[in-house]
Amino acid sequence: MISVMLVDDHALVRDGLQRILERTADLEVVGSVASGTEAVRIDASLQADVILMDVSMPGMSGIEATERIRSVRTDANIVMLTATASGEDVVAALDAGASGYLLKDAETSSLLTSVREAANGDVPLDSRAARALVDHRRQRDKPALTRREEQVLELVRDGLTNKAIARELGISEKTVKTHLTKIFATLGVVGRTQAALWAQRNLLPAA
């Protein structure tokens, strides 16, 4: 039997989850609380196999509660169950020690499978949360270009010459060359072709 604690500030959500989980033979809800503070307080006595934790709650957030619980019970399996997946929240939750990240509109079968996976030590991650995580890390690791340098790079990608770029942006060819030198150094590329290939992979199409 897998024991589960529910942590969500909305009673209707907790009641609905409890009905879903307790319709199965191998899952049992042993606790249902409305805040991160309550979850931290009773976890030591409950020690549920899996904790389903909302992210946004008044007072202590689910992410902070996760960090506090994991600091005491390092083997706690805490799965964030929330309405939206931003890259920042997914990263913060996993860094705090969450065992997974699910969205509340998940299919019932997917939710049940994820609870069982978490109890077995796996890391259930909604596909949208995974995409948000990848996008967030890609953006964080993206070389820092100024907006003007991005504009120059977009035009290089589109095949414009230095003279055409200068005319398009209303700057001198010498300024274009200066921007390109800085762009090549920032990206770690050699020449226009590599810069254009980088821009094709990493810059959004021009509006």
Protein backbone atom coordinates (compact mmCIF):
# COMPACT_ATOMS: atom_id res chain seq x y z
CA MET A 1 0.00 0.00 0.00
CA ILE A 2 1.36 3.41 -0.99
CA SER A 3 0.57 6.18 1.51
CA VAL A 4 -0.05 9.68 0.15
CA MET A 5 -0.30 13.12 1.75
CA LEU A 6 -2.17 15.88 -0.08
CA VAL A 7 -1.06 19.50 0.29
CA ASP A 8 -3.24 22.14 -1.40
CA ASP A 9 -4.94 25.28 -0.16
CA HIS A 10 -8.15 24.45 -2.07
CA ALA A 11 -10.39 21.99 -0.22
CA LEU A 12 -12.21 20.99 -3.42
CA VAL A 13 -8.91 19.99 -5.03
CA ARG A 14 -7.89 17.92 -2.01
CA ASP A 15 -11.29 16.22 -1.82
CA GLY A 16 -11.24 15.42 -5.52
CA LEU A 17 -7.74 13.99 -5.35
CA GLN A 18 -8.64 11.90 -2.31
CA ARG A 19 -11.63 10.38 -4.08
CA ILE A 20 -9.49 9.55 -7.12
CA LEU A 21 -6.63 8.02 -5.14
CA GLU A 22 -8.78 5.97 -2.78
CA ARG A 23 -10.64 4.31 -5.65
CA THR A 24 -7.49 2.27 -6.21
CA ALA A 25 -6.48 -0.73 -4.14
CA ASP A 26 -2.82 0.20 -3.70
CA LEU A 27 -3.09 3.90 -2.73
CA GLU A 28 -4.15 5.36 0.61
CA VAL A 29 -4.46 9.04 1.61
CA VAL A 30 -3.04 9.37 5.11
CA GLY A 31 -3.08 13.16 5.36
CA SER A 32 -4.72 16.18 3.74
CA VAL A 33 -3.58 19.69 4.66
CA ALA A 34 -4.13 23.21 3.35
CA SER A 35 -0.66 24.75 3.63
CA GLY A 36 3.04 24.18 3.33
CA THR A 37 3.43 25.03 6.99
CA GLU A 38 1.03 22.24 8.01
CA ALA A 39 2.77 19.80 5.68
CA VAL A 40 6.15 20.49 7.29
CA ARG A 41 4.65 20.17 10.76
CA ILE A 42 2.97 16.79 10.30
CA ASP A 43 5.38 15.12 7.87
CA ALA A 44 7.59 13.78 10.63
CA SER A 45 4.69 11.82 12.09
CA LEU A 46 3.01 10.78 8.84
CA GLN A 47 6.06 10.05 6.67
CA ALA A 48 3.88 9.36 3.65
CA ASP A 49 5.44 7.45 0.78
CA VAL A 50 4.45 10.24 -1.61
CA ILE A 51 3.47 13.87 -1.01
CA LEU A 52 1.43 15.66 -3.68
CA MET A 53 2.28 19.34 -3.14
CA ASP A 54 0.79 22.45 -4.70
CA VAL A 55 3.31 25.14 -5.68
CA SER A 56 1.43 28.37 -4.94
CA MET A 57 -0.13 28.60 -1.48
CA PRO A 58 -0.59 31.45 1.00
CA GLY A 59 2.26 31.74 3.47
CA MET A 60 4.84 29.04 2.88
CA SER A 61 4.97 27.99 -0.77
CA GLY A 62 5.10 24.38 -1.85
CA ILE A 63 8.68 24.85 -3.00
CA GLU A 64 9.80 26.14 0.40
CA ALA A 65 7.87 23.35 2.15
CA THR A 66 9.55 20.81 -0.11
CA GLU A 67 12.98 22.14 0.76
CA ARG A 68 12.21 22.04 4.49
CA ILE A 69 10.81 18.52 4.41
CA ARG A 70 13.71 17.20 2.37
CA SER A 71 16.21 18.83 4.72
CA VAL A 72 14.86 16.61 7.51
CA ARG A 73 13.63 13.55 5.60
CA THR A 74 16.01 13.18 2.70
CA ASP A 75 14.17 10.21 1.20
CA ALA A 76 10.80 12.02 0.98
CA ASN A 77 9.13 11.65 -2.42
CA ILE A 78 7.46 15.00 -3.11
CA VAL A 79 5.66 15.56 -6.41
CA MET A 80 4.56 19.09 -7.26
CA LEU A 81 0.96 19.15 -8.53
CA THR A 82 0.03 22.58 -9.81
CA ALA A 83 -1.97 24.46 -12.43
CA THR A 84 0.85 25.80 -14.60
CA ALA A 85 4.44 24.97 -15.48
CA SER A 86 6.88 27.85 -15.76
CA GLY A 87 10.52 27.00 -16.29
CA GLU A 88 11.44 29.02 -13.22
CA ASP A 89 9.02 27.07 -10.98
CA VAL A 90 10.10 23.69 -12.36
CA VAL A 91 13.78 24.48 -11.78
CA ALA A 92 13.09 25.83 -8.29
CA ALA A 93 11.02 22.78 -7.36
CA LEU A 94 13.60 20.27 -8.56
CA ASP A 95 16.40 22.23 -6.91
CA ALA A 96 14.41 22.13 -3.65
CA GLY A 97 14.30 18.33 -3.88
CA ALA A 98 10.99 17.61 -5.60
CA SER A 99 10.71 14.11 -7.06
CA GLY A 100 8.49 15.20 -9.94
CA TYR A 101 6.29 17.90 -11.43
CA LEU A 102 2.72 17.34 -12.65
CA LEU A 103 -0.12 19.56 -13.83
CA LYS A 104 -3.62 19.45 -12.38
CA ASP A 105 -5.25 18.84 -15.75
CA ALA A 106 -3.43 15.51 -16.11
CA GLU A 107 -5.47 12.43 -16.94
CA THR A 108 -6.44 10.36 -13.92
CA SER A 109 -4.50 7.36 -15.20
CA SER A 110 -1.40 9.51 -15.64
CA LEU A 111 -1.71 10.88 -12.11
CA LEU A 112 -2.01 7.41 -10.59
CA THR A 113 0.93 6.13 -12.60
CA SER A 114 3.02 9.11 -11.53
CA VAL A 115 2.27 8.53 -7.83
CA ARG A 116 3.39 4.92 -8.17
CA GLU A 117 6.52 5.97 -10.08
CA ALA A 118 7.42 8.48 -7.37
CA ALA A 119 6.96 5.84 -4.67
CA ASN A 120 9.40 3.64 -6.59
CA GLY A 121 12.00 6.39 -6.70
CA ASP A 122 11.38 7.54 -10.26
CA VAL A 123 10.92 11.18 -11.34
CA PRO A 124 7.52 11.71 -13.00
CA LEU A 125 7.63 14.88 -15.09
CA ASP A 126 4.75 16.23 -17.17
CA SER A 127 5.84 16.74 -20.77
CA ARG A 128 4.93 20.44 -20.57
CA ALA A 129 7.02 20.82 -17.42
CA ALA A 130 9.90 19.08 -19.16
CA ARG A 131 9.61 21.47 -22.11
CA ALA A 132 9.49 24.48 -19.76
CA LEU A 133 12.60 23.17 -18.02
CA VAL A 134 14.50 22.76 -21.29
CA ASP A 135 13.44 26.19 -22.56
CA HIS A 136 14.39 27.84 -19.27
CA ARG A 137 17.85 26.30 -19.21
CA ARG A 138 18.41 27.07 -22.86
CA GLN A 139 17.49 30.70 -22.28
CA ARG A 140 19.66 30.87 -19.17
CA ASP A 141 22.64 29.45 -21.06
CA LYS A 142 22.10 31.61 -24.13
CA PRO A 143 25.06 33.95 -24.82
CA ALA A 144 24.30 37.55 -23.85
CA LEU A 145 23.85 39.65 -26.97
CA THR A 146 22.60 43.22 -26.99
CA ARG A 147 19.38 43.93 -28.90
CA ARG A 148 21.39 45.67 -31.63
CA GLU A 149 23.71 42.67 -31.93
CA GLU A 150 20.67 40.40 -32.23
CA GLN A 151 19.33 42.62 -35.02
CA VAL A 152 22.63 42.42 -36.88
CA LEU A 153 22.74 38.66 -36.38
CA GLU A 154 19.18 38.25 -37.64
CA LEU A 155 20.15 40.04 -40.85
CA VAL A 156 23.30 37.92 -41.21
CA ARG A 157 21.06 34.88 -40.89
CA ASP A 158 18.85 36.31 -43.65
CA GLY A 159 21.88 36.57 -45.95
CA LEU A 160 22.36 40.34 -46.02
CA THR A 161 25.78 41.84 -46.73
CA ASN A 162 27.41 44.32 -44.37
CA LYS A 163 26.38 47.18 -46.67
CA ALA A 164 22.77 45.98 -46.74
CA ILE A 165 22.74 45.54 -42.94
CA ALA A 166 24.09 49.06 -42.50
CA ARG A 167 21.38 50.45 -44.79
CA GLU A 168 18.64 48.41 -43.06
CA LEU A 169 19.63 49.56 -39.56
CA GLY A 170 20.71 53.09 -40.44
CA ILE A 171 24.28 52.63 -39.21
CA SER A 172 27.70 52.66 -40.86
CA GLU A 173 29.43 49.61 -42.33
CA LYS A 174 32.23 50.12 -39.83
CA THR A 175 29.70 49.84 -36.99
CA VAL A 176 28.31 46.67 -38.53
CA LYS A 177 31.83 45.19 -38.61
CA THR A 178 32.35 46.16 -34.97
CA HIS A 179 29.10 44.44 -34.00
CA LEU A 180 30.07 41.33 -35.95
CA THR A 181 33.44 41.11 -34.23
CA LYS A 182 31.74 41.21 -30.83
CA ILE A 183 29.06 38.72 -31.96
CA PHE A 184 31.65 36.20 -33.19
CA ALA A 185 33.55 36.47 -29.90
CA THR A 186 30.40 36.12 -27.76
CA LEU A 187 29.14 33.10 -29.68
CA GLY A 188 32.57 31.50 -30.03
CA VAL A 189 32.17 31.14 -33.78
CA VAL A 190 34.44 31.84 -36.73
CA GLY A 191 32.90 33.88 -39.53
CA ARG A 192 29.46 34.69 -40.89
CA THR A 193 28.50 31.15 -41.87
CA GLN A 194 28.85 29.75 -38.36
CA ALA A 195 27.11 32.82 -36.93
CA ALA A 196 24.23 32.39 -39.38
CA LEU A 197 23.88 28.71 -38.47
CA TRP A 198 23.84 29.61 -34.77
CA ALA A 199 21.14 32.23 -35.44
CA GLN A 200 19.00 29.72 -37.37
CA ARG A 201 19.03 27.38 -34.36
CA ASN A 202 18.69 29.92 -31.57
CA LEU A 203 16.97 33.10 -32.72
CA LEU A 204 13.25 33.43 -33.35
CA PRO A 205 12.27 34.35 -36.92
CA ALA A 206 12.10 38.09 -37.47
CA ALA A 207 8.58 39.50 -37.04
